[in-house]
C-alpha cells in the first residue's frame, strides 16, 4: 500500500486545486493521500469528492505554522481533527489574518526594489487561499526577477532578507494541545530540516510530547540522514509513530508524490487516534 500523508493544493501554496492533487495522487499510483494545506481545511470537500470518484483513500489534514519562543519556525501536521473546533479554528484564523498583514507589508518593501504590486501577488492566490511567501515568489517569477520559487526564496525572500517580516504563529506545544482537543492527531513535520533554517532543541520536543504529540515525520527529503536517526531514537523512546511523506506542492516544488511513504501500521494508528473526522474511502 502506497501512503503519502503530506501534500498541498492551491488552497495554500500548492499549484493544483484539491481535486487535482487527488488526481495526481491517483496517477502516481498512491492508494492513500492526505491534503495538508497551511492553516486551512477549505480543500477537504473537493478532495473528498475526487477521492471517492477516483478510488483513492483521502486523509483530511492540515499543516499549522508555529513558532517557538526563540523564533524558530515549526510546522505541525494535524490529521482527522474537527475543522469546526472553536479553539483550533480561532487560533488558525488569527494566524491566517497575520499572514495576510505580513504579506502586504513584504510586498510594500519589495516594491521599492522590484516591479511588484499587491495585485500582482493576488493574481497567484486562489480564492479563499492562505496567502504566503510562495505567492509572492510566484509574482517575482512572473515579473522576471527570478527564475523560479526556489531562487526567490534563496535570493530575496529568505528570513535574513530586509524584505522579511515576521507574523504571528502559535507556540508548537499550544498547537499540539489544540489539535488533540479537536480530536486530531498531531505529527511534527520535517523536524530536522536544517536547510530550511534553525531547528529546535530537546526542550521543544519535550514540550510538544508533554502536550500530546503523537508522531514524527521522519522520511522527508529535507531531513538529513543523521537527523532521521535521531528522530527514530526519539520515536522509540517516547512511543511516537513515524511517517514518511513527499510534501508535494505541484509545480511549486520539485517534490514528487510518493517519494517518501508512510507505513500501513502508522496510518492505522492515525485512524485509531483521530476522532474529529474520518478517512474518506
C-alpha atoms as a PDB file:
ATOM      1  CA  UNK A   1       0.000   0.000   0.000  1.00  0.00           C
ATOM      2  CA  UNK A   2       1.426   3.396  -1.035  1.00  0.00           C
ATOM      3  CA  UNK A   3       0.574   6.108   1.506  1.00  0.00           C
ATOM      4  CA  UNK A   4       1.678   9.766   1.259  1.00  0.00           C
ATOM      5  CA  UNK A   5       0.456  11.968   4.122  1.00  0.00           C
ATOM      6  CA  UNK A   6       1.724  15.450   3.211  1.00  0.00           C
ATOM      7  CA  UNK A   7       0.514  17.339   0.137  1.00  0.00           C
ATOM      8  CA  UNK A   8      -0.592  20.892  -0.628  1.00  0.00           C
ATOM      9  CA  UNK A   9      -3.130  22.359  -3.031  1.00  0.00           C
ATOM     10  CA  UNK A  10      -3.706  25.916  -4.226  1.00  0.00           C
ATOM     11  CA  UNK A  11      -5.832  26.440  -1.109  1.00  0.00           C
ATOM     12  CA  UNK A  12      -2.425  27.255   0.394  1.00  0.00           C
ATOM     13  CA  UNK A  13       0.859  27.224  -1.521  1.00  0.00           C
ATOM     14  CA  UNK A  14       0.456  24.322  -3.941  1.00  0.00           C
ATOM     15  CA  UNK A  15      -0.234  24.892  -7.621  1.00  0.00           C
ATOM     16  CA  UNK A  16      -3.042  22.368  -8.207  1.00  0.00           C
ATOM     17  CA  UNK A  17      -6.637  22.554  -6.960  1.00  0.00           C
ATOM     18  CA  UNK A  18      -7.576  20.000  -4.272  1.00  0.00           C
ATOM     19  CA  UNK A  19      -9.244  17.661  -6.767  1.00  0.00           C
ATOM     20  CA  UNK A  20      -6.164  17.978  -8.955  1.00  0.00           C
ATOM     21  CA  UNK A  21      -3.926  16.822  -6.099  1.00  0.00           C
ATOM     22  CA  UNK A  22      -6.090  13.714  -5.735  1.00  0.00           C
ATOM     23  CA  UNK A  23      -5.918  13.104  -9.494  1.00  0.00           C
ATOM     24  CA  UNK A  24      -2.128  13.455  -9.366  1.00  0.00           C
ATOM     25  CA  UNK A  25      -2.002  11.039  -6.438  1.00  0.00           C
ATOM     26  CA  UNK A  26      -4.034   8.521  -8.431  1.00  0.00           C
ATOM     27  CA  UNK A  27      -1.773   8.959 -11.457  1.00  0.00           C
ATOM     28  CA  UNK A  28       1.270   8.422  -9.202  1.00  0.00           C
ATOM     29  CA  UNK A  29      -0.154   5.092  -8.048  1.00  0.00           C
ATOM     30  CA  UNK A  30      -0.917   6.146  -4.479  1.00  0.00           C
ATOM     31  CA  UNK A  31      -3.528   4.251  -2.505  1.00  0.00           C
ATOM     32  CA  UNK A  32      -3.835   6.897   0.226  1.00  0.00           C
ATOM     33  CA  UNK A  33      -3.067  10.619   0.247  1.00  0.00           C
ATOM     34  CA  UNK A  34      -3.532  13.417   2.780  1.00  0.00           C
ATOM     35  CA  UNK A  35      -4.227  17.042   1.930  1.00  0.00           C
ATOM     36  CA  UNK A  36      -2.411  19.227   4.464  1.00  0.00           C
ATOM     37  CA  UNK A  37      -2.799  22.819   3.337  1.00  0.00           C
ATOM     38  CA  UNK A  38      -1.332  25.523   5.540  1.00  0.00           C
ATOM     39  CA  UNK A  39      -3.769  26.686   8.229  1.00  0.00           C
ATOM     40  CA  UNK A  40      -6.799  25.704   6.140  1.00  0.00           C
ATOM     41  CA  UNK A  41      -9.269  22.859   5.613  1.00  0.00           C
ATOM     42  CA  UNK A  42     -11.112  24.513   2.716  1.00  0.00           C
ATOM     43  CA  UNK A  43      -9.831  21.867   0.306  1.00  0.00           C
ATOM     44  CA  UNK A  44     -11.298  18.912   2.165  1.00  0.00           C
ATOM     45  CA  UNK A  45     -14.695  18.830   0.421  1.00  0.00           C
ATOM     46  CA  UNK A  46     -13.469  18.880  -3.212  1.00  0.00           C
ATOM     47  CA  UNK A  47     -10.628  16.500  -2.343  1.00  0.00           C
ATOM     48  CA  UNK A  48     -13.085  14.087  -0.713  1.00  0.00           C
ATOM     49  CA  UNK A  49     -15.350  14.098  -3.756  1.00  0.00           C
ATOM     50  CA  UNK A  50     -12.421  13.454  -6.094  1.00  0.00           C
ATOM     51  CA  UNK A  51     -11.092  10.681  -3.858  1.00  0.00           C
ATOM     52  CA  UNK A  52     -14.397   8.813  -3.939  1.00  0.00           C
ATOM     53  CA  UNK A  53     -14.594   9.200  -7.706  1.00  0.00           C
ATOM     54  CA  UNK A  54     -11.024   8.045  -8.333  1.00  0.00           C
ATOM     55  CA  UNK A  55     -10.823   5.331  -5.694  1.00  0.00           C
ATOM     56  CA  UNK A  56      -8.041   6.932  -3.654  1.00  0.00           C
ATOM     57  CA  UNK A  57      -8.397   6.955   0.138  1.00  0.00           C
ATOM     58  CA  UNK A  58      -8.260  10.541   1.420  1.00  0.00           C
ATOM     59  CA  UNK A  59      -6.932  11.587   4.840  1.00  0.00           C
ATOM     60  CA  UNK A  60      -8.180  15.061   5.865  1.00  0.00           C
ATOM     61  CA  UNK A  61      -5.325  17.082   7.306  1.00  0.00           C
ATOM     62  CA  UNK A  62      -3.759  20.497   7.791  1.00  0.00           C
ATOM     63  CA  UNK A  63      -0.290  21.947   8.375  1.00  0.00           C
ATOM     64  CA  UNK A  64      -0.107  24.506  11.166  1.00  0.00           C
ATOM     65  CA  UNK A  65       2.642  27.120  11.120  1.00  0.00           C
ATOM     66  CA  UNK A  66       4.090  27.581  14.623  1.00  0.00           C
ATOM     67  CA  UNK A  67       6.973  29.474  16.197  1.00  0.00           C
ATOM     68  CA  UNK A  68       8.968  28.810  19.358  1.00  0.00           C
ATOM     69  CA  UNK A  69       9.896  31.432  21.931  1.00  0.00           C
ATOM     70  CA  UNK A  70      13.313  31.583  20.272  1.00  0.00           C
ATOM     71  CA  UNK A  71      11.730  32.448  16.938  1.00  0.00           C
ATOM     72  CA  UNK A  72      12.297  29.046  15.307  1.00  0.00           C
ATOM     73  CA  UNK A  73       9.676  28.025  12.756  1.00  0.00           C
ATOM     74  CA  UNK A  74       7.905  24.717  13.433  1.00  0.00           C
ATOM     75  CA  UNK A  75       5.336  23.024  11.207  1.00  0.00           C
ATOM     76  CA  UNK A  76       2.777  20.734  12.794  1.00  0.00           C
ATOM     77  CA  UNK A  77       0.695  18.312  10.750  1.00  0.00           C
ATOM     78  CA  UNK A  78      -2.804  17.594  12.040  1.00  0.00           C
ATOM     79  CA  UNK A  79      -4.825  14.622  10.824  1.00  0.00           C
ATOM     80  CA  UNK A  80      -8.510  13.812  11.321  1.00  0.00           C
ATOM     81  CA  UNK A  81      -9.325  16.793  13.537  1.00  0.00           C
ATOM     82  CA  UNK A  82     -12.693  18.542  13.739  1.00  0.00           C
ATOM     83  CA  UNK A  83     -12.369  21.534  11.360  1.00  0.00           C
ATOM     84  CA  UNK A  84     -15.049  23.423  13.304  1.00  0.00           C
ATOM     85  CA  UNK A  85     -13.464  23.055  16.753  1.00  0.00           C
ATOM     86  CA  UNK A  86     -13.691  26.580  18.253  1.00  0.00           C
ATOM     87  CA  UNK A  87     -10.286  26.723  19.933  1.00  0.00           C
ATOM     88  CA  UNK A  88      -8.290  25.438  16.983  1.00  0.00           C
ATOM     89  CA  UNK A  89     -10.317  27.438  14.475  1.00  0.00           C
ATOM     90  CA  UNK A  90      -9.793  30.655  16.431  1.00  0.00           C
ATOM     91  CA  UNK A  91      -6.026  30.164  16.543  1.00  0.00           C
ATOM     92  CA  UNK A  92      -5.820  29.276  12.838  1.00  0.00           C
ATOM     93  CA  UNK A  93      -7.898  32.308  11.881  1.00  0.00           C
ATOM     94  CA  UNK A  94      -5.622  34.538  13.951  1.00  0.00           C
ATOM     95  CA  UNK A  95      -2.572  33.127  12.168  1.00  0.00           C
ATOM     96  CA  UNK A  96      -4.138  33.497   8.713  1.00  0.00           C
ATOM     97  CA  UNK A  97      -5.031  37.131   9.379  1.00  0.00           C
ATOM     98  CA  UNK A  98      -1.453  37.773  10.491  1.00  0.00           C
ATOM     99  CA  UNK A  99      -0.114  36.114   7.329  1.00  0.00           C
ATOM    100  CA  UNK A 100      -2.178  38.495   5.215  1.00  0.00           C
ATOM    101  CA  UNK A 101      -0.927  41.589   7.047  1.00  0.00           C
ATOM    102  CA  UNK A 102       2.636  40.288   6.817  1.00  0.00           C
ATOM    103  CA  UNK A 103       2.372  39.563   3.088  1.00  0.00           C
ATOM    104  CA  UNK A 104       1.111  43.076   2.355  1.00  0.00           C
ATOM    105  CA  UNK A 105       3.988  44.609   4.333  1.00  0.00           C
ATOM    106  CA  UNK A 106       6.540  42.455   2.499  1.00  0.00           C
ATOM    107  CA  UNK A 107       5.124  43.472  -0.879  1.00  0.00           C
ATOM    108  CA  UNK A 108       5.359  47.130   0.127  1.00  0.00           C
ATOM    109  CA  UNK A 109       9.040  46.656   0.971  1.00  0.00           C
ATOM    110  CA  UNK A 110       9.715  44.646  -2.198  1.00  0.00           C
ATOM    111  CA  UNK A 111       8.030  47.241  -4.395  1.00  0.00           C
ATOM    112  CA  UNK A 112      10.830  49.656  -3.525  1.00  0.00           C
ATOM    113  CA  UNK A 113      13.273  47.499  -5.490  1.00  0.00           C
ATOM    114  CA  UNK A 114      11.186  45.271  -7.774  1.00  0.00           C
ATOM    115  CA  UNK A 115       8.286  45.836 -10.207  1.00  0.00           C
ATOM    116  CA  UNK A 116       5.792  44.269  -7.817  1.00  0.00           C
ATOM    117  CA  UNK A 117       2.345  45.268  -6.555  1.00  0.00           C
ATOM    118  CA  UNK A 118      -0.222  43.629  -4.284  1.00  0.00           C
ATOM    119  CA  UNK A 119      -2.427  42.968  -7.315  1.00  0.00           C
ATOM    120  CA  UNK A 120       0.471  41.063  -8.890  1.00  0.00           C
ATOM    121  CA  UNK A 121       0.595  38.772  -5.869  1.00  0.00           C
ATOM    122  CA  UNK A 122      -3.161  38.264  -5.563  1.00  0.00           C
ATOM    123  CA  UNK A 123      -3.182  37.105  -9.187  1.00  0.00           C
ATOM    124  CA  UNK A 124      -1.387  33.963  -7.963  1.00  0.00           C
ATOM    125  CA  UNK A 125      -3.664  33.277  -4.977  1.00  0.00           C
ATOM    126  CA  UNK A 126      -6.703  31.040  -5.374  1.00  0.00           C
ATOM    127  CA  UNK A 127      -9.957  32.454  -3.932  1.00  0.00           C
ATOM    128  CA  UNK A 128     -10.001  31.972  -0.178  1.00  0.00           C
ATOM    129  CA  UNK A 129      -6.456  30.588  -0.090  1.00  0.00           C
ATOM    130  CA  UNK A 130      -3.974  31.306   2.691  1.00  0.00           C
ATOM    131  CA  UNK A 131      -1.596  33.982   1.366  1.00  0.00           C
ATOM    132  CA  UNK A 132       2.081  33.266   1.919  1.00  0.00           C
ATOM    133  CA  UNK A 133       5.586  33.872   0.695  1.00  0.00           C
ATOM    134  CA  UNK A 134       5.220  31.285  -2.110  1.00  0.00           C
ATOM    135  CA  UNK A 135       2.624  33.517  -3.762  1.00  0.00           C
ATOM    136  CA  UNK A 136       4.996  36.486  -3.543  1.00  0.00           C
ATOM    137  CA  UNK A 137       7.654  34.229  -5.063  1.00  0.00           C
ATOM    138  CA  UNK A 138       5.333  33.375  -7.955  1.00  0.00           C
ATOM    139  CA  UNK A 139       4.739  37.076  -8.585  1.00  0.00           C
ATOM    140  CA  UNK A 140       8.504  37.698  -8.611  1.00  0.00           C
ATOM    141  CA  UNK A 141       8.923  34.892 -11.151  1.00  0.00           C
ATOM    142  CA  UNK A 142       6.182  36.391 -13.332  1.00  0.00           C
ATOM    143  CA  UNK A 143       7.904  39.786 -13.087  1.00  0.00           C
ATOM    144  CA  UNK A 144      11.142  38.250 -14.350  1.00  0.00           C
ATOM    145  CA  UNK A 145      13.042  38.993 -11.137  1.00  0.00           C
ATOM    146  CA  UNK A 146      13.918  35.319 -10.559  1.00  0.00           C
ATOM    147  CA  UNK A 147      13.685  32.051 -12.482  1.00  0.00           C
ATOM    148  CA  UNK A 148      11.590  30.044 -10.029  1.00  0.00           C
ATOM    149  CA  UNK A 149      10.286  29.821  -6.471  1.00  0.00           C
ATOM    150  CA  UNK A 150      13.500  28.281  -5.184  1.00  0.00           C
ATOM    151  CA  UNK A 151      15.576  31.210  -6.415  1.00  0.00           C
ATOM    152  CA  UNK A 152      13.051  33.662  -4.989  1.00  0.00           C
ATOM    153  CA  UNK A 153      13.384  32.148  -1.522  1.00  0.00           C
ATOM    154  CA  UNK A 154      17.152  31.837  -1.698  1.00  0.00           C
ATOM    155  CA  UNK A 155      17.888  35.276  -3.120  1.00  0.00           C
ATOM    156  CA  UNK A 156      15.045  37.529  -1.961  1.00  0.00           C
ATOM    157  CA  UNK A 157      12.542  36.027   0.484  1.00  0.00           C
ATOM    158  CA  UNK A 158      14.923  34.401   2.952  1.00  0.00           C
ATOM    159  CA  UNK A 159      14.317  35.146   6.616  1.00  0.00           C
ATOM    160  CA  UNK A 160      17.613  37.090   6.618  1.00  0.00           C
ATOM    161  CA  UNK A 161      16.423  39.441   3.878  1.00  0.00           C
ATOM    162  CA  UNK A 162      15.497  43.041   4.589  1.00  0.00           C
ATOM    163  CA  UNK A 163      12.119  42.275   2.980  1.00  0.00           C
ATOM    164  CA  UNK A 164      11.267  39.578   5.521  1.00  0.00           C
ATOM    165  CA  UNK A 165       8.512  40.323   8.033  1.00  0.00           C
ATOM    166  CA  UNK A 166       7.568  38.097  10.964  1.00  0.00           C
ATOM    167  CA  UNK A 167       3.937  37.143  11.566  1.00  0.00           C
ATOM    168  CA  UNK A 168       2.005  35.676  14.478  1.00  0.00           C
ATOM    169  CA  UNK A 169       2.191  31.909  14.862  1.00  0.00           C
ATOM    170  CA  UNK A 170       1.174  29.787  17.862  1.00  0.00           C
ATOM    171  CA  UNK A 171       3.669  28.093  20.143  1.00  0.00           C
ATOM    172  CA  UNK A 172       4.157  24.460  18.996  1.00  0.00           C
ATOM    173  CA  UNK A 173       3.011  22.967  22.309  1.00  0.00           C
ATOM    174  CA  UNK A 174      -0.162  25.069  22.239  1.00  0.00           C
ATOM    175  CA  UNK A 175      -0.855  23.907  18.684  1.00  0.00           C
ATOM    176  CA  UNK A 176      -0.434  20.283  19.767  1.00  0.00           C
ATOM    177  CA  UNK A 177      -2.870  20.813  22.632  1.00  0.00           C
ATOM    178  CA  UNK A 178      -5.450  22.405  20.328  1.00  0.00           C
ATOM    179  CA  UNK A 179      -5.165  19.624  17.749  1.00  0.00           C
ATOM    180  CA  UNK A 180      -5.698  16.990  20.441  1.00  0.00           C
ATOM    181  CA  UNK A 181      -8.660  18.953  21.835  1.00  0.00           C
ATOM    182  CA  UNK A 182     -10.146  18.951  18.328  1.00  0.00           C
ATOM    183  CA  UNK A 183      -9.864  15.163  18.128  1.00  0.00           C
ATOM    184  CA  UNK A 184      -6.880  15.343  15.788  1.00  0.00           C
ATOM    185  CA  UNK A 185      -3.570  13.529  15.531  1.00  0.00           C
ATOM    186  CA  UNK A 186      -0.535  15.885  15.721  1.00  0.00           C
ATOM    187  CA  UNK A 187       2.668  14.986  13.874  1.00  0.00           C
ATOM    188  CA  UNK A 188       5.833  17.109  13.839  1.00  0.00           C
ATOM    189  CA  UNK A 189       6.579  17.883  10.153  1.00  0.00           C
ATOM    190  CA  UNK A 190      10.184  17.591   8.841  1.00  0.00           C
ATOM    191  CA  UNK A 191      11.604  18.301  12.329  1.00  0.00           C
ATOM    192  CA  UNK A 192      15.312  18.299  11.419  1.00  0.00           C
ATOM    193  CA  UNK A 193      15.128  20.141   8.079  1.00  0.00           C
ATOM    194  CA  UNK A 194      18.171  22.276   8.860  1.00  0.00           C
ATOM    195  CA  UNK A 195      18.490  23.558   5.284  1.00  0.00           C
ATOM    196  CA  UNK A 196      15.246  25.494   5.875  1.00  0.00           C
ATOM    197  CA  UNK A 197      16.684  27.352   8.863  1.00  0.00           C
ATOM    198  CA  UNK A 198      17.229  26.763  12.565  1.00  0.00           C
ATOM    199  CA  UNK A 199      15.801  23.568  14.049  1.00  0.00           C
ATOM    200  CA  UNK A 200      14.527  23.089  17.578  1.00  0.00           C
ATOM    201  CA  UNK A 201      16.361  21.550  20.504  1.00  0.00           C
ATOM    202  CA  UNK A 202      15.321  18.900  23.004  1.00  0.00           C
ATOM    203  CA  UNK A 203      13.276  21.298  25.128  1.00  0.00           C
ATOM    204  CA  UNK A 204      10.795  21.930  22.300  1.00  0.00           C
ATOM    205  CA  UNK A 205      10.455  18.210  21.599  1.00  0.00           C
ATOM    206  CA  UNK A 206       9.822  17.605  25.289  1.00  0.00           C
ATOM    207  CA  UNK A 207       7.208  20.348  25.493  1.00  0.00           C
ATOM    208  CA  UNK A 208       5.413  19.078  22.393  1.00  0.00           C
ATOM    209  CA  UNK A 209       5.479  15.483  23.627  1.00  0.00           C
ATOM    210  CA  UNK A 210       4.178  16.541  27.037  1.00  0.00           C
ATOM    211  CA  UNK A 211       1.379  18.431  25.261  1.00  0.00           C
ATOM    212  CA  UNK A 212       0.317  15.287  23.398  1.00  0.00           C
ATOM    213  CA  UNK A 213       2.454  14.955  20.254  1.00  0.00           C
ATOM    214  CA  UNK A 214       1.819  11.557  18.673  1.00  0.00           C
ATOM    215  CA  UNK A 215       4.106  11.255  15.659  1.00  0.00           C
ATOM    216  CA  UNK A 216       7.217  12.421  13.806  1.00  0.00           C
ATOM    217  CA  UNK A 217       7.586  12.887  10.050  1.00  0.00           C
ATOM    218  CA  UNK A 218      10.902  11.071   9.618  1.00  0.00           C
ATOM    219  CA  UNK A 219      11.157  10.167   5.938  1.00  0.00           C
ATOM    220  CA  UNK A 220      11.181  13.561   4.224  1.00  0.00           C
ATOM    221  CA  UNK A 221      13.636  14.881   1.648  1.00  0.00           C
ATOM    222  CA  UNK A 222      14.618  17.820   3.864  1.00  0.00           C
ATOM    223  CA  UNK A 223      15.535  15.646   6.863  1.00  0.00           C
ATOM    224  CA  UNK A 224      19.248  14.732   6.637  1.00  0.00           C
ATOM    225  CA  UNK A 225      20.042  11.079   7.376  1.00  0.00           C
ATOM    226  CA  UNK A 226      21.795  11.768  10.682  1.00  0.00           C
ATOM    227  CA  UNK A 227      18.708  13.705  11.762  1.00  0.00           C
ATOM    228  CA  UNK A 228      16.462  10.815  10.792  1.00  0.00           C
ATOM    229  CA  UNK A 229      18.453   8.509  13.051  1.00  0.00           C
ATOM    230  CA  UNK A 230      17.894  10.928  15.918  1.00  0.00           C
ATOM    231  CA  UNK A 231      14.163  11.027  15.187  1.00  0.00           C
ATOM    232  CA  UNK A 232      13.949   7.225  15.089  1.00  0.00           C
ATOM    233  CA  UNK A 233      15.570   7.020  18.517  1.00  0.00           C
ATOM    234  CA  UNK A 234      13.265   9.736  19.854  1.00  0.00           C
ATOM    235  CA  UNK A 235      10.196   7.943  18.484  1.00  0.00           C
ATOM    236  CA  UNK A 236      11.234   4.662  20.083  1.00  0.00           C
ATOM    237  CA  UNK A 237      11.960   6.343  23.419  1.00  0.00           C
ATOM    238  CA  UNK A 238       8.603   8.128  23.619  1.00  0.00           C
ATOM    239  CA  UNK A 239       6.290   5.707  21.801  1.00  0.00           C
ATOM    240  CA  UNK A 240       5.689   8.011  18.831  1.00  0.00           C
ATOM    241  CA  UNK A 241       4.776   6.629  15.428  1.00  0.00           C
ATOM    242  CA  UNK A 242       6.752   7.673  12.346  1.00  0.00           C
ATOM    243  CA  UNK A 243       5.554   8.840   8.942  1.00  0.00           C
ATOM    244  CA  UNK A 244       7.105   9.475   5.538  1.00  0.00           C
ATOM    245  CA  UNK A 245       5.771  11.939   3.008  1.00  0.00           C
ATOM    246  CA  UNK A 246       6.524  13.931  -0.116  1.00  0.00           C
ATOM    247  CA  UNK A 247       5.390  17.439   0.929  1.00  0.00           C
ATOM    248  CA  UNK A 248       4.032  17.768  -2.602  1.00  0.00           C
ATOM    249  CA  UNK A 249       3.308  21.267  -3.941  1.00  0.00           C
ATOM    250  CA  UNK A 250       2.569  20.548  -7.602  1.00  0.00           C
ATOM    251  CA  UNK A 251       4.826  22.675  -9.787  1.00  0.00           C
ATOM    252  CA  UNK A 252       5.757  24.815  -6.777  1.00  0.00           C
ATOM    253  CA  UNK A 253       8.488  22.428  -5.573  1.00  0.00           C
ATOM    254  CA  UNK A 254      10.448  19.520  -7.077  1.00  0.00           C
ATOM    255  CA  UNK A 255       8.949  17.106  -4.506  1.00  0.00           C
ATOM    256  CA  UNK A 256       7.162  14.163  -6.144  1.00  0.00           C
ATOM    257  CA  UNK A 257       4.133  12.364  -4.787  1.00  0.00           C
ATOM    258  CA  UNK A 258       5.150   9.054  -3.258  1.00  0.00           C
ATOM    259  CA  UNK A 259       8.866   9.851  -2.988  1.00  0.00           C
ATOM    260  CA  UNK A 260       8.571   9.009   0.727  1.00  0.00           C
ATOM    261  CA  UNK A 261       5.845   6.822   2.157  1.00  0.00           C
ATOM    262  CA  UNK A 262       4.072   6.060   5.429  1.00  0.00           C
ATOM    263  CA  UNK A 263       3.526   2.510   6.647  1.00  0.00           C
ATOM    264  CA  UNK A 264       0.021   0.987   6.837  1.00  0.00           C
ATOM    265  CA  UNK A 265       0.648   0.499  10.561  1.00  0.00           C
ATOM    266  CA  UNK A 266       1.190   4.238  11.084  1.00  0.00           C
ATOM    267  CA  UNK A 267      -1.963   5.039   9.114  1.00  0.00           C
ATOM    268  CA  UNK A 268      -3.912   2.552  11.230  1.00  0.00           C
ATOM    269  CA  UNK A 269      -2.617   4.304  14.335  1.00  0.00           C
ATOM    270  CA  UNK A 270      -3.751   7.679  12.991  1.00  0.00           C
ATOM    271  CA  UNK A 271      -7.228   6.283  12.269  1.00  0.00           C
ATOM    272  CA  UNK A 272      -7.375   4.761  15.751  1.00  0.00           C
ATOM    273  CA  UNK A 273      -6.430   8.016  17.463  1.00  0.00           C
ATOM    274  CA  UNK A 274      -8.282  10.559  15.304  1.00  0.00           C
ATOM    275  CA  UNK A 275     -11.849  11.272  16.372  1.00  0.00           C
ATOM    276  CA  UNK A 276     -12.636  14.654  14.791  1.00  0.00           C
ATOM    277  CA  UNK A 277     -13.088  13.431  11.210  1.00  0.00           C
ATOM    278  CA  UNK A 278     -12.581  10.252   9.209  1.00  0.00           C
ATOM    279  CA  UNK A 279     -10.601   8.848   6.303  1.00  0.00           C
ATOM    280  CA  UNK A 280     -12.679   9.039   3.130  1.00  0.00           C
ATOM    281  CA  UNK A 281     -12.811   5.782   1.166  1.00  0.00           C
END
